[in-house]
PDB file of N, CA and C in Angstrom:
ATOM      1  N   MET A   1      15.095 -33.025 -10.286  1.00  0.00           N
ATOM      2  CA  MET A   1      15.921 -31.908 -10.692  1.00  0.00           C
ATOM      3  C   MET A   1      16.738 -31.454  -9.480  1.00  0.00           C
ATOM      4  N   ALA A   2      18.016 -31.304  -9.631  1.00  0.00           N
ATOM      5  CA  ALA A   2      18.917 -30.961  -8.537  1.00  0.00           C
ATOM      6  C   ALA A   2      18.881 -29.459  -8.268  1.00  0.00           C
ATOM      7  N   GLU A   3      19.030 -29.098  -6.995  1.00  0.00           N
ATOM      8  CA  GLU A   3      19.113 -27.701  -6.598  1.00  0.00           C
ATOM      9  C   GLU A   3      20.418 -27.103  -7.097  1.00  0.00           C
ATOM     10  N   ASN A   4      20.399 -25.829  -7.420  1.00  0.00           N
ATOM     11  CA  ASN A   4      21.613 -25.136  -7.837  1.00  0.00           C
ATOM     12  C   ASN A   4      22.430 -24.829  -6.582  1.00  0.00           C
ATOM     13  N   PRO A   5      23.608 -25.455  -6.414  1.00  0.00           N
ATOM     14  CA  PRO A   5      24.392 -25.240  -5.200  1.00  0.00           C
ATOM     15  C   PRO A   5      24.943 -23.821  -5.076  1.00  0.00           C
ATOM     16  N   ASN A   6      24.994 -23.070  -6.169  1.00  0.00           N
ATOM     17  CA  ASN A   6      25.507 -21.699  -6.132  1.00  0.00           C
ATOM     18  C   ASN A   6      24.431 -20.677  -5.758  1.00  0.00           C
ATOM     19  N   LYS A   7      23.166 -21.111  -5.761  1.00  0.00           N
ATOM     20  CA  LYS A   7      22.066 -20.201  -5.458  1.00  0.00           C
ATOM     21  C   LYS A   7      21.934 -20.047  -3.944  1.00  0.00           C
ATOM     22  N   LYS A   8      22.044 -18.797  -3.468  1.00  0.00           N
ATOM     23  CA  LYS A   8      21.950 -18.520  -2.040  1.00  0.00           C
ATOM     24  C   LYS A   8      20.506 -18.233  -1.665  1.00  0.00           C
ATOM     25  N   GLN A   9      20.128 -18.657  -0.472  1.00  0.00           N
ATOM     26  CA  GLN A   9      18.787 -18.420   0.035  1.00  0.00           C
ATOM     27  C   GLN A   9      18.836 -17.280   1.047  1.00  0.00           C
ATOM     28  N   ILE A  10      17.841 -16.400   0.992  1.00  0.00           N
ATOM     29  CA  ILE A  10      17.781 -15.262   1.898  1.00  0.00           C
ATOM     30  C   ILE A  10      16.706 -15.542   2.943  1.00  0.00           C
ATOM     31  N   ASN A  11      17.045 -15.349   4.192  1.00  0.00           N
ATOM     32  CA  ASN A  11      16.091 -15.489   5.283  1.00  0.00           C
ATOM     33  C   ASN A  11      15.566 -14.093   5.615  1.00  0.00           C
ATOM     34  N   ILE A  12      14.289 -13.863   5.357  1.00  0.00           N
ATOM     35  CA  ILE A  12      13.686 -12.550   5.567  1.00  0.00           C
ATOM     36  C   ILE A  12      12.805 -12.597   6.805  1.00  0.00           C
ATOM     37  N   GLU A  13      13.037 -11.658   7.722  1.00  0.00           N
ATOM     38  CA  GLU A  13      12.254 -11.590   8.955  1.00  0.00           C
ATOM     39  C   GLU A  13      11.200 -10.500   8.822  1.00  0.00           C
ATOM     40  N   LEU A  14       9.989 -10.802   9.268  1.00  0.00           N
ATOM     41  CA  LEU A  14       8.888  -9.847   9.238  1.00  0.00           C
ATOM     42  C   LEU A  14       8.274  -9.812  10.630  1.00  0.00           C
ATOM     43  N   ASN A  15       8.562  -8.725  11.378  1.00  0.00           N
ATOM     44  CA  ASN A  15       8.017  -8.662  12.739  1.00  0.00           C
ATOM     45  C   ASN A  15       6.542  -8.258  12.700  1.00  0.00           C
ATOM     46  N   ASP A  16       5.861  -8.421  13.840  1.00  0.00           N
ATOM     47  CA  ASP A  16       4.417  -8.190  13.911  1.00  0.00           C
ATOM     48  C   ASP A  16       4.025  -6.761  13.555  1.00  0.00           C
ATOM     49  N   GLU A  17       4.807  -5.776  14.004  1.00  0.00           N
ATOM     50  CA  GLU A  17       4.473  -4.377  13.734  1.00  0.00           C
ATOM     51  C   GLU A  17       4.525  -4.076  12.239  1.00  0.00           C
ATOM     52  N   ILE A  18       5.585  -4.513  11.577  1.00  0.00           N
ATOM     53  CA  ILE A  18       5.719  -4.283  10.135  1.00  0.00           C
ATOM     54  C   ILE A  18       4.684  -5.093   9.358  1.00  0.00           C
ATOM     55  N   ALA A  19       4.354  -6.285   9.837  1.00  0.00           N
ATOM     56  CA  ALA A  19       3.376  -7.137   9.163  1.00  0.00           C
ATOM     57  C   ALA A  19       1.988  -6.497   9.109  1.00  0.00           C
ATOM     58  N   GLN A  20       1.697  -5.589  10.052  1.00  0.00           N
ATOM     59  CA  GLN A  20       0.404  -4.898  10.058  1.00  0.00           C
ATOM     60  C   GLN A  20       0.256  -3.980   8.841  1.00  0.00           C
ATOM     61  N   GLY A  21       1.360  -3.494   8.323  1.00  0.00           N
ATOM     62  CA  GLY A  21       1.334  -2.623   7.154  1.00  0.00           C
ATOM     63  C   GLY A  21       0.923  -1.202   7.501  1.00  0.00           C
ATOM     64  N   ILE A  22       1.065  -0.322   6.538  1.00  0.00           N
ATOM     65  CA  ILE A  22       0.678   1.077   6.669  1.00  0.00           C
ATOM     66  C   ILE A  22      -0.176   1.415   5.454  1.00  0.00           C
ATOM     67  N   TYR A  23      -1.367   1.951   5.691  1.00  0.00           N
ATOM     68  CA  TYR A  23      -2.253   2.316   4.597  1.00  0.00           C
ATOM     69  C   TYR A  23      -1.756   3.588   3.929  1.00  0.00           C
ATOM     70  N   SER A  24      -1.774   3.577   2.609  1.00  0.00           N
ATOM     71  CA  SER A  24      -1.396   4.746   1.827  1.00  0.00           C
ATOM     72  C   SER A  24      -2.329   4.847   0.631  1.00  0.00           C
ATOM     73  N   ASN A  25      -2.804   6.070   0.351  1.00  0.00           N
ATOM     74  CA  ASN A  25      -3.635   6.269  -0.838  1.00  0.00           C
ATOM     75  C   ASN A  25      -3.021   7.299  -1.785  1.00  0.00           C
ATOM     76  N   LEU A  26      -1.743   7.612  -1.537  1.00  0.00           N
ATOM     77  CA  LEU A  26      -1.015   8.514  -2.426  1.00  0.00           C
ATOM     78  C   LEU A  26       0.476   8.238  -2.278  1.00  0.00           C
ATOM     79  N   ALA A  27       1.183   8.210  -3.381  1.00  0.00           N
ATOM     80  CA  ALA A  27       2.637   8.077  -3.355  1.00  0.00           C
ATOM     81  C   ALA A  27       3.228   9.204  -4.195  1.00  0.00           C
ATOM     82  N   ILE A  28       4.268   9.817  -3.662  1.00  0.00           N
ATOM     83  CA  ILE A  28       4.984  10.865  -4.388  1.00  0.00           C
ATOM     84  C   ILE A  28       6.410  10.378  -4.589  1.00  0.00           C
ATOM     85  N   ILE A  29       6.872  10.427  -5.821  1.00  0.00           N
ATOM     86  CA  ILE A  29       8.193   9.910  -6.162  1.00  0.00           C
ATOM     87  C   ILE A  29       9.069  11.047  -6.650  1.00  0.00           C
ATOM     88  N   THR A  30      10.257  11.153  -6.063  1.00  0.00           N
ATOM     89  CA  THR A  30      11.259  12.118  -6.506  1.00  0.00           C
ATOM     90  C   THR A  30      12.563  11.352  -6.708  1.00  0.00           C
ATOM     91  N   HIS A  31      13.500  11.981  -7.405  1.00  0.00           N
ATOM     92  CA  HIS A  31      14.768  11.299  -7.620  1.00  0.00           C
ATOM     93  C   HIS A  31      15.911  12.291  -7.781  1.00  0.00           C
ATOM     94  N   SER A  32      17.099  11.787  -7.500  1.00  0.00           N
ATOM     95  CA  SER A  32      18.336  12.511  -7.774  1.00  0.00           C
ATOM     96  C   SER A  32      19.134  11.631  -8.732  1.00  0.00           C
ATOM     97  N   ASN A  33      20.383  11.975  -8.962  1.00  0.00           N
ATOM     98  CA  ASN A  33      21.183  11.133  -9.857  1.00  0.00           C
ATOM     99  C   ASN A  33      21.562   9.807  -9.209  1.00  0.00           C
ATOM    100  N   SER A  34      21.419   9.681  -7.885  1.00  0.00           N
ATOM    101  CA  SER A  34      21.865   8.461  -7.216  1.00  0.00           C
ATOM    102  C   SER A  34      20.782   7.696  -6.473  1.00  0.00           C
ATOM    103  N   GLU A  35      19.557   8.268  -6.369  1.00  0.00           N
ATOM    104  CA  GLU A  35      18.517   7.560  -5.622  1.00  0.00           C
ATOM    105  C   GLU A  35      17.118   8.006  -6.024  1.00  0.00           C
ATOM    106  N   PHE A  36      16.160   7.103  -5.775  1.00  0.00           N
ATOM    107  CA  PHE A  36      14.742   7.392  -5.917  1.00  0.00           C
ATOM    108  C   PHE A  36      14.147   7.405  -4.518  1.00  0.00           C
ATOM    109  N   ILE A  37      13.288   8.384  -4.250  1.00  0.00           N
ATOM    110  CA  ILE A  37      12.632   8.489  -2.953  1.00  0.00           C
ATOM    111  C   ILE A  37      11.136   8.353  -3.188  1.00  0.00           C
ATOM    112  N   VAL A  38      10.525   7.396  -2.495  1.00  0.00           N
ATOM    113  CA  VAL A  38       9.086   7.179  -2.596  1.00  0.00           C
ATOM    114  C   VAL A  38       8.476   7.489  -1.234  1.00  0.00           C
ATOM    115  N   ASP A  39       7.653   8.530  -1.191  1.00  0.00           N
ATOM    116  CA  ASP A  39       6.929   8.889   0.028  1.00  0.00           C
ATOM    117  C   ASP A  39       5.513   8.349  -0.095  1.00  0.00           C
ATOM    118  N   PHE A  40       5.109   7.522   0.880  1.00  0.00           N
ATOM    119  CA  PHE A  40       3.759   6.980   0.934  1.00  0.00           C
ATOM    120  C   PHE A  40       2.961   7.827   1.920  1.00  0.00           C
ATOM    121  N   ILE A  41       1.821   8.341   1.443  1.00  0.00           N
ATOM    122  CA  ILE A  41       1.042   9.338   2.174  1.00  0.00           C
ATOM    123  C   ILE A  41      -0.374   8.831   2.390  1.00  0.00           C
ATOM    124  N   LYS A  42      -0.940   9.186   3.541  1.00  0.00           N
ATOM    125  CA  LYS A  42      -2.348   8.875   3.809  1.00  0.00           C
ATOM    126  C   LYS A  42      -3.113  10.187   3.870  1.00  0.00           C
ATOM    127  N   MET A  43      -4.059  10.344   2.934  1.00  0.00           N
ATOM    128  CA  MET A  43      -4.923  11.525   2.904  1.00  0.00           C
ATOM    129  C   MET A  43      -6.284  11.116   3.444  1.00  0.00           C
ATOM    130  N   MET A  44      -6.879  11.984   4.256  1.00  0.00           N
ATOM    131  CA  MET A  44      -8.195  11.701   4.823  1.00  0.00           C
ATOM    132  C   MET A  44      -9.223  12.638   4.209  1.00  0.00           C
ATOM    133  N   PRO A  45     -10.464  12.162   4.030  1.00  0.00           N
ATOM    134  CA  PRO A  45     -11.511  12.989   3.430  1.00  0.00           C
ATOM    135  C   PRO A  45     -11.740  14.277   4.211  1.00  0.00           C
ATOM    136  N   GLY A  46     -11.796  15.391   3.481  1.00  0.00           N
ATOM    137  CA  GLY A  46     -12.116  16.670   4.078  1.00  0.00           C
ATOM    138  C   GLY A  46     -10.999  17.307   4.897  1.00  0.00           C
ATOM    139  N   ILE A  47      -9.839  16.672   4.954  1.00  0.00           N
ATOM    140  CA  ILE A  47      -8.719  17.223   5.717  1.00  0.00           C
ATOM    141  C   ILE A  47      -7.651  17.677   4.728  1.00  0.00           C
ATOM    142  N   PRO A  48      -7.345  18.987   4.710  1.00  0.00           N
ATOM    143  CA  PRO A  48      -6.415  19.510   3.707  1.00  0.00           C
ATOM    144  C   PRO A  48      -4.949  19.141   3.964  1.00  0.00           C
ATOM    145  N   LYS A  49      -4.642  18.629   5.147  1.00  0.00           N
ATOM    146  CA  LYS A  49      -3.262  18.286   5.473  1.00  0.00           C
ATOM    147  C   LYS A  49      -3.100  16.765   5.458  1.00  0.00           C
ATOM    148  N   ALA A  50      -2.028  16.295   4.831  1.00  0.00           N
ATOM    149  CA  ALA A  50      -1.750  14.858   4.762  1.00  0.00           C
ATOM    150  C   ALA A  50      -0.374  14.601   5.345  1.00  0.00           C
ATOM    151  N   LYS A  51      -0.171  13.380   5.839  1.00  0.00           N
ATOM    152  CA  LYS A  51       1.100  13.029   6.449  1.00  0.00           C
ATOM    153  C   LYS A  51       1.804  11.939   5.662  1.00  0.00           C
ATOM    154  N   VAL A  52       3.122  12.068   5.556  1.00  0.00           N
ATOM    155  CA  VAL A  52       3.932  10.987   5.004  1.00  0.00           C
ATOM    156  C   VAL A  52       3.969   9.896   6.065  1.00  0.00           C
ATOM    157  N   LYS A  53       3.532   8.702   5.704  1.00  0.00           N
ATOM    158  CA  LYS A  53       3.493   7.584   6.645  1.00  0.00           C
ATOM    159  C   LYS A  53       4.736   6.710   6.546  1.00  0.00           C
ATOM    160  N   SER A  54       5.381   6.723   5.376  1.00  0.00           N
ATOM    161  CA  SER A  54       6.583   5.920   5.187  1.00  0.00           C
ATOM    162  C   SER A  54       7.383   6.487   4.024  1.00  0.00           C
ATOM    163  N   ARG A  55       8.699   6.417   4.127  1.00  0.00           N
ATOM    164  CA  ARG A  55       9.585   6.867   3.049  1.00  0.00           C
ATOM    165  C   ARG A  55      10.525   5.712   2.726  1.00  0.00           C
ATOM    166  N   ILE A  56      10.603   5.384   1.450  1.00  0.00           N
ATOM    167  CA  ILE A  56      11.501   4.335   0.982  1.00  0.00           C
ATOM    168  C   ILE A  56      12.509   4.981   0.034  1.00  0.00           C
ATOM    169  N   ILE A  57      13.782   4.712   0.268  1.00  0.00           N
ATOM    170  CA  ILE A  57      14.850   5.247  -0.580  1.00  0.00           C
ATOM    171  C   ILE A  57      15.482   4.076  -1.320  1.00  0.00           C
ATOM    172  N   LEU A  58      15.532   4.189  -2.650  1.00  0.00           N
ATOM    173  CA  LEU A  58      16.006   3.107  -3.516  1.00  0.00           C
ATOM    174  C   LEU A  58      17.135   3.575  -4.420  1.00  0.00           C
ATOM    175  N   THR A  59      18.024   2.657  -4.764  1.00  0.00           N
ATOM    176  CA  THR A  59      18.989   2.950  -5.814  1.00  0.00           C
ATOM    177  C   THR A  59      18.236   2.929  -7.145  1.00  0.00           C
ATOM    178  N   PRO A  60      18.764   3.546  -8.191  1.00  0.00           N
ATOM    179  CA  PRO A  60      18.102   3.484  -9.497  1.00  0.00           C
ATOM    180  C   PRO A  60      17.875   2.035  -9.967  1.00  0.00           C
ATOM    181  N   GLN A  61      18.829   1.151  -9.693  1.00  0.00           N
ATOM    182  CA  GLN A  61      18.687  -0.245 -10.099  1.00  0.00           C
ATOM    183  C   GLN A  61      17.516  -0.916  -9.366  1.00  0.00           C
ATOM    184  N   HIS A  62      17.386  -0.662  -8.074  1.00  0.00           N
ATOM    185  CA  HIS A  62      16.276  -1.246  -7.327  1.00  0.00           C
ATOM    186  C   HIS A  62      14.944  -0.618  -7.731  1.00  0.00           C
ATOM    187  N   ALA A  63      14.944   0.669  -8.060  1.00  0.00           N
ATOM    188  CA  ALA A  63      13.721   1.318  -8.531  1.00  0.00           C
ATOM    189  C   ALA A  63      13.241   0.663  -9.821  1.00  0.00           C
ATOM    190  N   LYS A  64      14.177   0.351 -10.715  1.00  0.00           N
ATOM    191  CA  LYS A  64      13.802  -0.294 -11.978  1.00  0.00           C
ATOM    192  C   LYS A  64      13.278  -1.709 -11.735  1.00  0.00           C
ATOM    193  N   ARG A  65      13.895  -2.428 -10.786  1.00  0.00           N
ATOM    194  CA  ARG A  65      13.397  -3.771 -10.429  1.00  0.00           C
ATOM    195  C   ARG A  65      11.992  -3.692  -9.839  1.00  0.00           C
ATOM    196  N   LEU A  66      11.744  -2.666  -8.999  1.00  0.00           N
ATOM    197  CA  LEU A  66      10.418  -2.479  -8.418  1.00  0.00           C
ATOM    198  C   LEU A  66       9.393  -2.189  -9.507  1.00  0.00           C
ATOM    199  N   LEU A  67       9.741  -1.337 -10.452  1.00  0.00           N
ATOM    200  CA  LEU A  67       8.853  -1.032 -11.576  1.00  0.00           C
ATOM    201  C   LEU A  67       8.490  -2.311 -12.331  1.00  0.00           C
ATOM    202  N   LYS A  68       9.477  -3.128 -12.630  1.00  0.00           N
ATOM    203  CA  LYS A  68       9.241  -4.386 -13.350  1.00  0.00           C
ATOM    204  C   LYS A  68       8.347  -5.314 -12.535  1.00  0.00           C
ATOM    205  N   ALA A  69       8.623  -5.435 -11.231  1.00  0.00           N
ATOM    206  CA  ALA A  69       7.827  -6.315 -10.375  1.00  0.00           C
ATOM    207  C   ALA A  69       6.385  -5.825 -10.267  1.00  0.00           C
ATOM    208  N   LEU A  70       6.180  -4.498 -10.140  1.00  0.00           N
ATOM    209  CA  LEU A  70       4.824  -3.957 -10.084  1.00  0.00           C
ATOM    210  C   LEU A  70       4.082  -4.200 -11.392  1.00  0.00           C
ATOM    211  N   ASN A  71       4.748  -3.985 -12.533  1.00  0.00           N
ATOM    212  CA  ASN A  71       4.114  -4.250 -13.830  1.00  0.00           C
ATOM    213  C   ASN A  71       3.677  -5.705 -13.951  1.00  0.00           C
ATOM    214  N   GLU A  72       4.555  -6.627 -13.562  1.00  0.00           N
ATOM    215  CA  GLU A  72       4.230  -8.052 -13.632  1.00  0.00           C
ATOM    216  C   GLU A  72       3.054  -8.395 -12.723  1.00  0.00           C
ATOM    217  N   ASN A  73       3.057  -7.850 -11.507  1.00  0.00           N
ATOM    218  CA  ASN A  73       1.997  -8.168 -10.562  1.00  0.00           C
ATOM    219  C   ASN A  73       0.667  -7.538 -10.941  1.00  0.00           C
ATOM    220  N   VAL A  74       0.673  -6.320 -11.475  1.00  0.00           N
ATOM    221  CA  VAL A  74      -0.571  -5.711 -11.942  1.00  0.00           C
ATOM    222  C   VAL A  74      -1.135  -6.514 -13.105  1.00  0.00           C
ATOM    223  N   SER A  75      -0.283  -6.970 -14.014  1.00  0.00           N
ATOM    224  CA  SER A  75      -0.743  -7.794 -15.137  1.00  0.00           C
ATOM    225  C   SER A  75      -1.373  -9.093 -14.645  1.00  0.00           C
ATOM    226  N   LYS A  76      -0.747  -9.735 -13.667  1.00  0.00           N
ATOM    227  CA  LYS A  76      -1.296 -10.981 -13.095  1.00  0.00           C
ATOM    228  C   LYS A  76      -2.637 -10.708 -12.405  1.00  0.00           C
ATOM    229  N   TYR A  77      -2.707  -9.614 -11.651  1.00  0.00           N
ATOM    230  CA  TYR A  77      -3.938  -9.237 -10.958  1.00  0.00           C
ATOM    231  C   TYR A  77      -5.069  -9.034 -11.964  1.00  0.00           C
ATOM    232  N   GLU A  78      -4.789  -8.240 -13.024  1.00  0.00           N
ATOM    233  CA  GLU A  78      -5.820  -7.941 -14.019  1.00  0.00           C
ATOM    234  C   GLU A  78      -6.239  -9.188 -14.793  1.00  0.00           C
ATOM    235  N   ALA A  79      -5.341 -10.123 -14.985  1.00  0.00           N
ATOM    236  CA  ALA A  79      -5.692 -11.369 -15.671  1.00  0.00           C
ATOM    237  C   ALA A  79      -6.716 -12.170 -14.854  1.00  0.00           C
ATOM    238  N   ILE A  80      -6.646 -12.054 -13.542  1.00  0.00           N
ATOM    239  CA  ILE A  80      -7.563 -12.781 -12.665  1.00  0.00           C
ATOM    240  C   ILE A  80      -8.819 -11.965 -12.357  1.00  0.00           C
ATOM    241  N   HIS A  81      -8.649 -10.685 -12.018  1.00  0.00           N
ATOM    242  CA  HIS A  81      -9.737  -9.868 -11.493  1.00  0.00           C
ATOM    243  C   HIS A  81     -10.311  -8.852 -12.469  1.00  0.00           C
ATOM    244  N   GLY A  82      -9.722  -8.700 -13.630  1.00  0.00           N
ATOM    245  CA  GLY A  82     -10.193  -7.726 -14.597  1.00  0.00           C
ATOM    246  C   GLY A  82      -9.431  -6.416 -14.517  1.00  0.00           C
ATOM    247  N   HIS A  83      -9.689  -5.560 -15.473  1.00  0.00           N
ATOM    248  CA  HIS A  83      -8.985  -4.285 -15.626  1.00  0.00           C
ATOM    249  C   HIS A  83      -9.182  -3.388 -14.399  1.00  0.00           C
ATOM    250  N   ILE A  84      -8.111  -2.783 -13.933  1.00  0.00           N
ATOM    251  CA  ILE A  84      -8.174  -1.820 -12.833  1.00  0.00           C
ATOM    252  C   ILE A  84      -8.485  -0.452 -13.433  1.00  0.00           C
ATOM    253  N   LYS A  85      -9.579   0.158 -12.995  1.00  0.00           N
ATOM    254  CA  LYS A  85      -9.940   1.489 -13.488  1.00  0.00           C
ATOM    255  C   LYS A  85      -9.056   2.522 -12.817  1.00  0.00           C
ATOM    256  N   GLU A  86      -8.557   3.456 -13.616  1.00  0.00           N
ATOM    257  CA  GLU A  86      -7.740   4.537 -13.081  1.00  0.00           C
ATOM    258  C   GLU A  86      -8.635   5.703 -12.699  1.00  0.00           C
ATOM    259  N   ALA A  87      -8.273   6.387 -11.617  1.00  0.00           N
ATOM    260  CA  ALA A  87      -9.023   7.563 -11.178  1.00  0.00           C
ATOM    261  C   ALA A  87      -8.837   8.685 -12.193  1.00  0.00           C
ATOM    262  N   LYS A  88      -9.889   9.468 -12.415  1.00  0.00           N
ATOM    263  CA  LYS A  88      -9.795  10.594 -13.345  1.00  0.00           C
ATOM    264  C   LYS A  88      -8.860  11.664 -12.801  1.00  0.00           C
ATOM    265  N   ASP A  89      -8.947  11.912 -11.491  1.00  0.00           N
ATOM    266  CA  ASP A  89      -8.073  12.885 -10.834  1.00  0.00           C
ATOM    267  C   ASP A  89      -7.019  12.095 -10.076  1.00  0.00           C
ATOM    268  N   PRO A  90      -5.758  12.140 -10.509  1.00  0.00           N
ATOM    269  CA  PRO A  90      -4.744  11.312  -9.867  1.00  0.00           C
ATOM    270  C   PRO A  90      -4.459  11.682  -8.417  1.00  0.00           C
ATOM    271  N   ILE A  91      -4.797  12.906  -8.004  1.00  0.00           N
ATOM    272  CA  ILE A  91      -4.593  13.312  -6.609  1.00  0.00           C
ATOM    273  C   ILE A  91      -5.955  13.701  -6.047  1.00  0.00           C
ATOM    274  N   PRO A  92      -6.598  12.780  -5.310  1.00  0.00           N
ATOM    275  CA  PRO A  92      -7.954  13.043  -4.811  1.00  0.00           C
ATOM    276  C   PRO A  92      -7.944  13.968  -3.601  1.00  0.00           C
ATOM    277  N   PHE A  93      -7.916  15.293  -3.836  1.00  0.00           N
ATOM    278  CA  PHE A  93      -7.817  16.238  -2.733  1.00  0.00           C
ATOM    279  C   PHE A  93      -9.005  16.149  -1.788  1.00  0.00           C
ATOM    280  N   SER A  94     -10.209  15.947  -2.299  1.00  0.00           N
ATOM    281  CA  SER A  94     -11.356  15.895  -1.412  1.00  0.00           C
ATOM    282  C   SER A  94     -11.723  14.469  -1.032  1.00  0.00           C
ATOM    283  N   LEU A  95     -11.342  13.497  -1.833  1.00  0.00           N
ATOM    284  CA  LEU A  95     -11.686  12.094  -1.606  1.00  0.00           C
ATOM    285  C   LEU A  95     -13.174  11.869  -1.440  1.00  0.00           C
ATOM    286  N   GLY A  96     -13.978  12.800  -1.921  1.00  0.00           N
ATOM    287  CA  GLY A  96     -15.418  12.625  -1.897  1.00  0.00           C
ATOM    288  C   GLY A  96     -16.071  12.848  -0.550  1.00  0.00           C
ATOM    289  N   GLY A  97     -15.331  13.241   0.459  1.00  0.00           N
ATOM    290  CA  GLY A  97     -15.885  13.437   1.791  1.00  0.00           C
ATOM    291  C   GLY A  97     -16.369  14.861   2.005  1.00  0.00           C
ATOM    292  N   PRO A  98     -16.969  15.108   3.156  1.00  0.00           N
ATOM    293  CA  PRO A  98     -17.439  16.467   3.444  1.00  0.00           C
ATOM    294  C   PRO A  98     -16.279  17.413   3.668  1.00  0.00           C
ATOM    295  N   THR A  99     -16.501  18.680   3.368  1.00  0.00           N
ATOM    296  CA  THR A  99     -15.487  19.701   3.575  1.00  0.00           C
ATOM    297  C   THR A  99     -15.498  20.119   5.028  1.00  0.00           C
ATOM    298  N   ALA A 100     -14.329  20.135   5.645  1.00  0.00           N
ATOM    299  CA  ALA A 100     -14.237  20.532   7.054  1.00  0.00           C
ATOM    300  C   ALA A 100     -14.483  22.024   7.189  1.00  0.00           C
ATOM    301  N   GLN A 101     -15.220  22.408   8.216  1.00  0.00           N
ATOM    302  CA  GLN A 101     -15.487  23.820   8.484  1.00  0.00           C
ATOM    303  C   GLN A 101     -15.280  24.082   9.967  1.00  0.00           C
ATOM    304  N   ALA A 102     -14.793  25.282  10.262  1.00  0.00           N
ATOM    305  CA  ALA A 102     -14.591  25.640  11.673  1.00  0.00           C
ATOM    306  C   ALA A 102     -15.693  26.549  12.146  1.00  0.00           C
TER     307      ALA A 102
END
């Protein structure tokens, strides 16, 4: 089968720092008429303050593509590993850890 000569290939670079990733256990999504903003947050047990670790700004078209890609990947994951249980409380304020006291 011949390669499509009109199909362009993208060279994507991933440096070591970005490859390490950033842990997030909460995402907050907001939008305007021209963009979607996804803030990835790391909450720690017993700490009432959380920090935004990364912010991604998307066009509505890219947000819809991301939604489709996430749906496809979650379906593939569940087909292999089984159903993903959803948390009863979507925002785990305590995360099950001890309460901080001064």
